[in-house]
Amino acid sequence: MGLITNVLLAPIIGPLLPFILLAKLFLSLAFLPVFIFFSPILIPLWFAKVAFRTITCLLLLPFAPILIPLKVLRWIL
């Protein structure tokens, strides 16, 4: 399904790709002042998220023999 969709959309998206990339660049530059303005809020939130994930991973480490096979099964099924 994915290959068929890519083959069908390639002639449409291909010529538009430079414009799509330029729009993404413009939007990223346009939102840079907003990011800088909110960075005192965003950066501590990012650090808190990273710390939470690290602590959660460390706390779940003893359950690895149970959780790892479950993740493998989720990938297979």
PDB file of N, CA and C in Angstrom:
ATOM      1  N   MET A   1       0.820  -1.199   0.000  1.00  0.00           N
ATOM      2  CA  MET A   1       0.000   0.000   0.000  1.00  0.00           C
ATOM      3  C   MET A   1       0.861   1.260   0.000  1.00  0.00           C
ATOM      4  N   GLY A   2       1.896   1.277   0.854  1.00  0.00           N
ATOM      5  CA  GLY A   2       2.756   2.451   0.921  1.00  0.00           C
ATOM      6  C   GLY A   2       3.506   2.692  -0.372  1.00  0.00           C
ATOM      7  N   LEU A   3       3.995   1.624  -1.011  1.00  0.00           N
ATOM      8  CA  LEU A   3       4.740   1.759  -2.265  1.00  0.00           C
ATOM      9  C   LEU A   3       3.833   2.280  -3.370  1.00  0.00           C
ATOM     10  N   ILE A   4       2.613   1.764  -3.438  1.00  0.00           N
ATOM     11  CA  ILE A   4       1.669   2.221  -4.461  1.00  0.00           C
ATOM     12  C   ILE A   4       1.337   3.694  -4.252  1.00  0.00           C
ATOM     13  N   THR A   5       1.131   4.078  -3.008  1.00  0.00           N
ATOM     14  CA  THR A   5       0.833   5.480  -2.704  1.00  0.00           C
ATOM     15  C   THR A   5       2.005   6.369  -3.096  1.00  0.00           C
ATOM     16  N   ASN A   6       3.239   5.945  -2.782  1.00  0.00           N
ATOM     17  CA  ASN A   6       4.417   6.736  -3.137  1.00  0.00           C
ATOM     18  C   ASN A   6       4.561   6.868  -4.645  1.00  0.00           C
ATOM     19  N   VAL A   7       4.313   5.797  -5.376  1.00  0.00           N
ATOM     20  CA  VAL A   7       4.435   5.846  -6.840  1.00  0.00           C
ATOM     21  C   VAL A   7       3.381   6.770  -7.434  1.00  0.00           C
ATOM     22  N   LEU A   8       2.182   6.761  -6.866  1.00  0.00           N
ATOM     23  CA  LEU A   8       1.118   7.615  -7.391  1.00  0.00           C
ATOM     24  C   LEU A   8       1.322   9.087  -7.038  1.00  0.00           C
ATOM     25  N   LEU A   9       1.881   9.340  -5.858  1.00  0.00           N
ATOM     26  CA  LEU A   9       2.047  10.733  -5.420  1.00  0.00           C
ATOM     27  C   LEU A   9       3.347  11.367  -5.880  1.00  0.00           C
ATOM     28  N   ALA A  10       4.326  10.570  -6.289  1.00  0.00           N
ATOM     29  CA  ALA A  10       5.635  11.105  -6.674  1.00  0.00           C
ATOM     30  C   ALA A  10       5.541  12.140  -7.796  1.00  0.00           C
ATOM     31  N   PRO A  11       4.759  11.899  -8.864  1.00  0.00           N
ATOM     32  CA  PRO A  11       4.690  12.931  -9.920  1.00  0.00           C
ATOM     33  C   PRO A  11       4.056  14.233  -9.451  1.00  0.00           C
ATOM     34  N   ILE A  12       3.241  14.162  -8.393  1.00  0.00           N
ATOM     35  CA  ILE A  12       2.584  15.377  -7.889  1.00  0.00           C
ATOM     36  C   ILE A  12       3.498  16.108  -6.912  1.00  0.00           C
ATOM     37  N   ILE A  13       4.087  15.351  -5.982  1.00  0.00           N
ATOM     38  CA  ILE A  13       4.890  15.973  -4.922  1.00  0.00           C
ATOM     39  C   ILE A  13       6.288  16.341  -5.416  1.00  0.00           C
ATOM     40  N   GLY A  14       6.822  15.569  -6.360  1.00  0.00           N
ATOM     41  CA  GLY A  14       8.181  15.824  -6.859  1.00  0.00           C
ATOM     42  C   GLY A  14       8.427  17.258  -7.285  1.00  0.00           C
ATOM     43  N   PRO A  15       7.622  17.788  -8.231  1.00  0.00           N
ATOM     44  CA  PRO A  15       7.847  19.177  -8.655  1.00  0.00           C
ATOM     45  C   PRO A  15       7.588  20.208  -7.557  1.00  0.00           C
ATOM     46  N   LEU A  16       6.760  19.858  -6.578  1.00  0.00           N
ATOM     47  CA  LEU A  16       6.440  20.797  -5.495  1.00  0.00           C
ATOM     48  C   LEU A  16       7.458  20.777  -4.364  1.00  0.00           C
ATOM     49  N   LEU A  17       8.357  19.797  -4.374  1.00  0.00           N
ATOM     50  CA  LEU A  17       9.283  19.616  -3.249  1.00  0.00           C
ATOM     51  C   LEU A  17      10.115  20.856  -2.935  1.00  0.00           C
ATOM     52  N   PRO A  18      10.706  21.559  -3.937  1.00  0.00           N
ATOM     53  CA  PRO A  18      11.469  22.778  -3.570  1.00  0.00           C
ATOM     54  C   PRO A  18      10.611  23.815  -2.855  1.00  0.00           C
ATOM     55  N   PHE A  19       9.358  23.956  -3.294  1.00  0.00           N
ATOM     56  CA  PHE A  19       8.474  24.941  -2.656  1.00  0.00           C
ATOM     57  C   PHE A  19       8.090  24.499  -1.240  1.00  0.00           C
ATOM     58  N   ILE A  20       7.906  23.204  -1.064  1.00  0.00           N
ATOM     59  CA  ILE A  20       7.594  22.676   0.265  1.00  0.00           C
ATOM     60  C   ILE A  20       8.761  22.926   1.212  1.00  0.00           C
ATOM     61  N   LEU A  21       9.988  22.667   0.735  1.00  0.00           N
ATOM     62  CA  LEU A  21      11.174  22.878   1.574  1.00  0.00           C
ATOM     63  C   LEU A  21      11.367  24.357   1.890  1.00  0.00           C
ATOM     64  N   LEU A  22      11.125  25.229   0.904  1.00  0.00           N
ATOM     65  CA  LEU A  22      11.239  26.672   1.166  1.00  0.00           C
ATOM     66  C   LEU A  22      10.190  27.129   2.177  1.00  0.00           C
ATOM     67  N   ALA A  23       8.984  26.595   2.089  1.00  0.00           N
ATOM     68  CA  ALA A  23       7.946  26.952   3.056  1.00  0.00           C
ATOM     69  C   ALA A  23       8.331  26.504   4.460  1.00  0.00           C
ATOM     70  N   LYS A  24       8.895  25.290   4.562  1.00  0.00           N
ATOM     71  CA  LYS A  24       9.335  24.817   5.883  1.00  0.00           C
ATOM     72  C   LYS A  24      10.436  25.715   6.436  1.00  0.00           C
ATOM     73  N   LEU A  25      11.382  26.128   5.578  1.00  0.00           N
ATOM     74  CA  LEU A  25      12.448  27.020   6.023  1.00  0.00           C
ATOM     75  C   LEU A  25      11.884  28.354   6.475  1.00  0.00           C
ATOM     76  N   PHE A  26      10.947  28.899   5.690  1.00  0.00           N
ATOM     77  CA  PHE A  26      10.345  30.186   6.049  1.00  0.00           C
ATOM     78  C   PHE A  26       9.610  30.088   7.381  1.00  0.00           C
ATOM     79  N   LEU A  27       8.836  29.009   7.554  1.00  0.00           N
ATOM     80  CA  LEU A  27       8.085  28.857   8.802  1.00  0.00           C
ATOM     81  C   LEU A  27       9.016  28.681   9.992  1.00  0.00           C
ATOM     82  N   SER A  28      10.114  27.940   9.782  1.00  0.00           N
ATOM     83  CA  SER A  28      11.036  27.759  10.908  1.00  0.00           C
ATOM     84  C   SER A  28      11.706  29.081  11.267  1.00  0.00           C
ATOM     85  N   LEU A  29      12.056  29.898  10.256  1.00  0.00           N
ATOM     86  CA  LEU A  29      12.651  31.203  10.548  1.00  0.00           C
ATOM     87  C   LEU A  29      11.618  32.169  11.119  1.00  0.00           C
ATOM     88  N   ALA A  30      10.370  32.053  10.656  1.00  0.00           N
ATOM     89  CA  ALA A  30       9.328  32.952  11.143  1.00  0.00           C
ATOM     90  C   ALA A  30       9.024  32.684  12.612  1.00  0.00           C
ATOM     91  N   PHE A  31       9.121  31.426  13.041  1.00  0.00           N
ATOM     92  CA  PHE A  31       8.800  31.096  14.418  1.00  0.00           C
ATOM     93  C   PHE A  31      10.013  31.142  15.342  1.00  0.00           C
ATOM     94  N   LEU A  32      11.194  31.484  14.789  1.00  0.00           N
ATOM     95  CA  LEU A  32      12.391  31.570  15.622  1.00  0.00           C
ATOM     96  C   LEU A  32      12.244  32.614  16.734  1.00  0.00           C
ATOM     97  N   PRO A  33      11.744  33.834  16.440  1.00  0.00           N
ATOM     98  CA  PRO A  33      11.563  34.796  17.556  1.00  0.00           C
ATOM     99  C   PRO A  33      10.589  34.290  18.610  1.00  0.00           C
ATOM    100  N   VAL A  34       9.560  33.574  18.185  1.00  0.00           N
ATOM    101  CA  VAL A  34       8.600  33.024  19.146  1.00  0.00           C
ATOM    102  C   VAL A  34       9.293  31.996  20.028  1.00  0.00           C
ATOM    103  N   PHE A  35      10.129  31.135  19.401  1.00  0.00           N
ATOM    104  CA  PHE A  35      10.861  30.141  20.184  1.00  0.00           C
ATOM    105  C   PHE A  35      11.804  30.812  21.170  1.00  0.00           C
ATOM    106  N   ILE A  36      12.517  31.851  20.715  1.00  0.00           N
ATOM    107  CA  ILE A  36      13.448  32.557  21.610  1.00  0.00           C
ATOM    108  C   ILE A  36      12.668  33.205  22.760  1.00  0.00           C
ATOM    109  N   PHE A  37      11.500  33.775  22.446  1.00  0.00           N
ATOM    110  CA  PHE A  37      10.690  34.421  23.481  1.00  0.00           C
ATOM    111  C   PHE A  37      10.219  33.407  24.527  1.00  0.00           C
ATOM    112  N   PHE A  38       9.823  32.218  24.052  1.00  0.00           N
ATOM    113  CA  PHE A  38       9.313  31.198  24.969  1.00  0.00           C
ATOM    114  C   PHE A  38      10.397  30.237  25.475  1.00  0.00           C
ATOM    115  N   SER A  39      11.643  30.431  25.070  1.00  0.00           N
ATOM    116  CA  SER A  39      12.697  29.495  25.480  1.00  0.00           C
ATOM    117  C   SER A  39      12.876  29.404  26.997  1.00  0.00           C
ATOM    118  N   PRO A  40      12.670  30.494  27.781  1.00  0.00           N
ATOM    119  CA  PRO A  40      12.769  30.302  29.240  1.00  0.00           C
ATOM    120  C   PRO A  40      11.735  29.323  29.784  1.00  0.00           C
ATOM    121  N   ILE A  41      10.641  29.124  29.045  1.00  0.00           N
ATOM    122  CA  ILE A  41       9.628  28.146  29.458  1.00  0.00           C
ATOM    123  C   ILE A  41       9.904  26.794  28.821  1.00  0.00           C
ATOM    124  N   LEU A  42      10.240  26.800  27.518  1.00  0.00           N
ATOM    125  CA  LEU A  42      10.372  25.556  26.766  1.00  0.00           C
ATOM    126  C   LEU A  42      11.582  24.729  27.193  1.00  0.00           C
ATOM    127  N   ILE A  43      12.712  25.390  27.447  1.00  0.00           N
ATOM    128  CA  ILE A  43      13.933  24.643  27.774  1.00  0.00           C
ATOM    129  C   ILE A  43      13.798  23.918  29.118  1.00  0.00           C
ATOM    130  N   PRO A  44      13.300  24.576  30.196  1.00  0.00           N
ATOM    131  CA  PRO A  44      13.098  23.800  31.434  1.00  0.00           C
ATOM    132  C   PRO A  44      12.096  22.660  31.270  1.00  0.00           C
ATOM    133  N   LEU A  45      11.047  22.874  30.435  1.00  0.00           N
ATOM    134  CA  LEU A  45      10.097  21.789  30.192  1.00  0.00           C
ATOM    135  C   LEU A  45      10.775  20.625  29.482  1.00  0.00           C
ATOM    136  N   TRP A  46      11.672  20.949  28.549  1.00  0.00           N
ATOM    137  CA  TRP A  46      12.387  19.903  27.821  1.00  0.00           C
ATOM    138  C   TRP A  46      13.285  19.126  28.785  1.00  0.00           C
ATOM    139  N   PHE A  47      13.997  19.851  29.654  1.00  0.00           N
ATOM    140  CA  PHE A  47      14.856  19.175  30.637  1.00  0.00           C
ATOM    141  C   PHE A  47      14.028  18.306  31.577  1.00  0.00           C
ATOM    142  N   ALA A  48      12.862  18.802  31.988  1.00  0.00           N
ATOM    143  CA  ALA A  48      11.995  18.016  32.873  1.00  0.00           C
ATOM    144  C   ALA A  48      11.518  16.751  32.170  1.00  0.00           C
ATOM    145  N   LYS A  49      11.198  16.870  30.890  1.00  0.00           N
ATOM    146  CA  LYS A  49      10.745  15.706  30.124  1.00  0.00           C
ATOM    147  C   LYS A  49      11.862  14.670  30.005  1.00  0.00           C
ATOM    148  N   VAL A  50      13.077  15.136  29.719  1.00  0.00           N
ATOM    149  CA  VAL A  50      14.224  14.223  29.612  1.00  0.00           C
ATOM    150  C   VAL A  50      14.505  13.563  30.954  1.00  0.00           C
ATOM    151  N   ALA A  51      14.470  14.352  32.021  1.00  0.00           N
ATOM    152  CA  ALA A  51      14.719  13.795  33.355  1.00  0.00           C
ATOM    153  C   ALA A  51      13.654  12.774  33.721  1.00  0.00           C
ATOM    154  N   PHE A  52      12.388  13.077  33.396  1.00  0.00           N
ATOM    155  CA  PHE A  52      11.304  12.145  33.704  1.00  0.00           C
ATOM    156  C   PHE A  52      11.494  10.828  32.959  1.00  0.00           C
ATOM    157  N   ARG A  53      11.856  10.915  31.681  1.00  0.00           N
ATOM    158  CA  ARG A  53      12.069   9.689  30.902  1.00  0.00           C
ATOM    159  C   ARG A  53      13.241   8.889  31.459  1.00  0.00           C
ATOM    160  N   THR A  54      14.312   9.587  31.841  1.00  0.00           N
ATOM    161  CA  THR A  54      15.484   8.889  32.381  1.00  0.00           C
ATOM    162  C   THR A  54      15.141   8.190  33.683  1.00  0.00           C
ATOM    163  N   ILE A  55      14.472   8.912  34.572  1.00  0.00           N
ATOM    164  CA  ILE A  55      14.103   8.325  35.871  1.00  0.00           C
ATOM    165  C   ILE A  55      13.143   7.162  35.674  1.00  0.00           C
ATOM    166  N   THR A  56      12.173   7.343  34.755  1.00  0.00           N
ATOM    167  CA  THR A  56      11.216   6.274  34.489  1.00  0.00           C
ATOM    168  C   THR A  56      11.928   5.037  33.961  1.00  0.00           C
ATOM    169  N   CYS A  57      12.867   5.241  33.045  1.00  0.00           N
ATOM    170  CA  CYS A  57      13.619   4.100  32.495  1.00  0.00           C
ATOM    171  C   CYS A  57      14.416   3.396  33.591  1.00  0.00           C
ATOM    172  N   LEU A  58      15.033   4.192  34.466  1.00  0.00           N
ATOM    173  CA  LEU A  58      15.810   3.579  35.548  1.00  0.00           C
ATOM    174  C   LEU A  58      14.919   2.816  36.514  1.00  0.00           C
ATOM    175  N   LEU A  59      13.728   3.366  36.796  1.00  0.00           N
ATOM    176  CA  LEU A  59      12.823   2.684  37.718  1.00  0.00           C
ATOM    177  C   LEU A  59      12.239   1.407  37.101  1.00  0.00           C
ATOM    178  N   LEU A  60      12.072   1.410  35.774  1.00  0.00           N
ATOM    179  CA  LEU A  60      11.517   0.236  35.107  1.00  0.00           C
ATOM    180  C   LEU A  60      12.568  -0.810  34.752  1.00  0.00           C
ATOM    181  N   LEU A  61      13.833  -0.491  34.983  1.00  0.00           N
ATOM    182  CA  LEU A  61      14.916  -1.416  34.631  1.00  0.00           C
ATOM    183  C   LEU A  61      14.758  -2.798  35.266  1.00  0.00           C
ATOM    184  N   PRO A  62      14.335  -2.913  36.530  1.00  0.00           N
ATOM    185  CA  PRO A  62      14.158  -4.259  37.092  1.00  0.00           C
ATOM    186  C   PRO A  62      13.079  -5.088  36.379  1.00  0.00           C
ATOM    187  N   PHE A  63      12.154  -4.394  35.688  1.00  0.00           N
ATOM    188  CA  PHE A  63      11.091  -5.106  34.986  1.00  0.00           C
ATOM    189  C   PHE A  63      11.448  -5.420  33.534  1.00  0.00           C
ATOM    190  N   ALA A  64      12.709  -5.184  33.143  1.00  0.00           N
ATOM    191  CA  ALA A  64      13.131  -5.402  31.763  1.00  0.00           C
ATOM    192  C   ALA A  64      12.871  -6.822  31.273  1.00  0.00           C
ATOM    193  N   PRO A  65      13.095  -7.866  32.091  1.00  0.00           N
ATOM    194  CA  PRO A  65      12.808  -9.213  31.572  1.00  0.00           C
ATOM    195  C   PRO A  65      11.350  -9.421  31.187  1.00  0.00           C
ATOM    196  N   ILE A  66      10.448  -8.623  31.753  1.00  0.00           N
ATOM    197  CA  ILE A  66       9.032  -8.736  31.396  1.00  0.00           C
ATOM    198  C   ILE A  66       8.700  -7.800  30.235  1.00  0.00           C
ATOM    199  N   LEU A  67       9.209  -6.556  30.292  1.00  0.00           N
ATOM    200  CA  LEU A  67       8.814  -5.533  29.329  1.00  0.00           C
ATOM    201  C   LEU A  67       9.421  -5.738  27.947  1.00  0.00           C
ATOM    202  N   ILE A  68      10.671  -6.199  27.873  1.00  0.00           N
ATOM    203  CA  ILE A  68      11.326  -6.344  26.572  1.00  0.00           C
ATOM    204  C   ILE A  68      10.606  -7.376  25.698  1.00  0.00           C
ATOM    205  N   PRO A  69      10.259  -8.557  26.209  1.00  0.00           N
ATOM    206  CA  PRO A  69       9.496  -9.473  25.342  1.00  0.00           C
ATOM    207  C   PRO A  69       8.148  -8.908  24.913  1.00  0.00           C
ATOM    208  N   LEU A  70       7.512  -8.089  25.770  1.00  0.00           N
ATOM    209  CA  LEU A  70       6.241  -7.482  25.398  1.00  0.00           C
ATOM    210  C   LEU A  70       6.419  -6.502  24.227  1.00  0.00           C
ATOM    211  N   LYS A  71       7.514  -5.745  24.268  1.00  0.00           N
ATOM    212  CA  LYS A  71       7.793  -4.810  23.163  1.00  0.00           C
ATOM    213  C   LYS A  71       8.067  -5.569  21.875  1.00  0.00           C
ATOM    214  N   VAL A  72       8.808  -6.683  21.987  1.00  0.00           N
ATOM    215  CA  VAL A  72       9.110  -7.491  20.801  1.00  0.00           C
ATOM    216  C   VAL A  72       7.822  -8.054  20.232  1.00  0.00           C
ATOM    217  N   LEU A  73       6.940  -8.549  21.097  1.00  0.00           N
ATOM    218  CA  LEU A  73       5.668  -9.060  20.635  1.00  0.00           C
ATOM    219  C   LEU A  73       4.826  -7.976  19.961  1.00  0.00           C
ATOM    220  N   ARG A  74       4.890  -6.759  20.483  1.00  0.00           N
ATOM    221  CA  ARG A  74       4.124  -5.666  19.892  1.00  0.00           C
ATOM    222  C   ARG A  74       4.633  -5.361  18.489  1.00  0.00           C
ATOM    223  N   TRP A  75       5.987  -5.439  18.294  1.00  0.00           N
ATOM    224  CA  TRP A  75       6.543  -5.222  16.954  1.00  0.00           C
ATOM    225  C   TRP A  75       6.138  -6.330  15.993  1.00  0.00           C
ATOM    226  N   ILE A  76       6.124  -7.553  16.496  1.00  0.00           N
ATOM    227  CA  ILE A  76       5.806  -8.688  15.625  1.00  0.00           C
ATOM    228  C   ILE A  76       4.330  -8.689  15.253  1.00  0.00           C
ATOM    229  N   LEU A  77       3.482  -8.476  16.262  1.00  0.00           N
ATOM    230  CA  LEU A  77       2.042  -8.521  16.003  1.00  0.00           C
ATOM    231  C   LEU A  77       1.640  -7.177  15.489  1.00  0.00           C
TER     232      LEU A  77
END
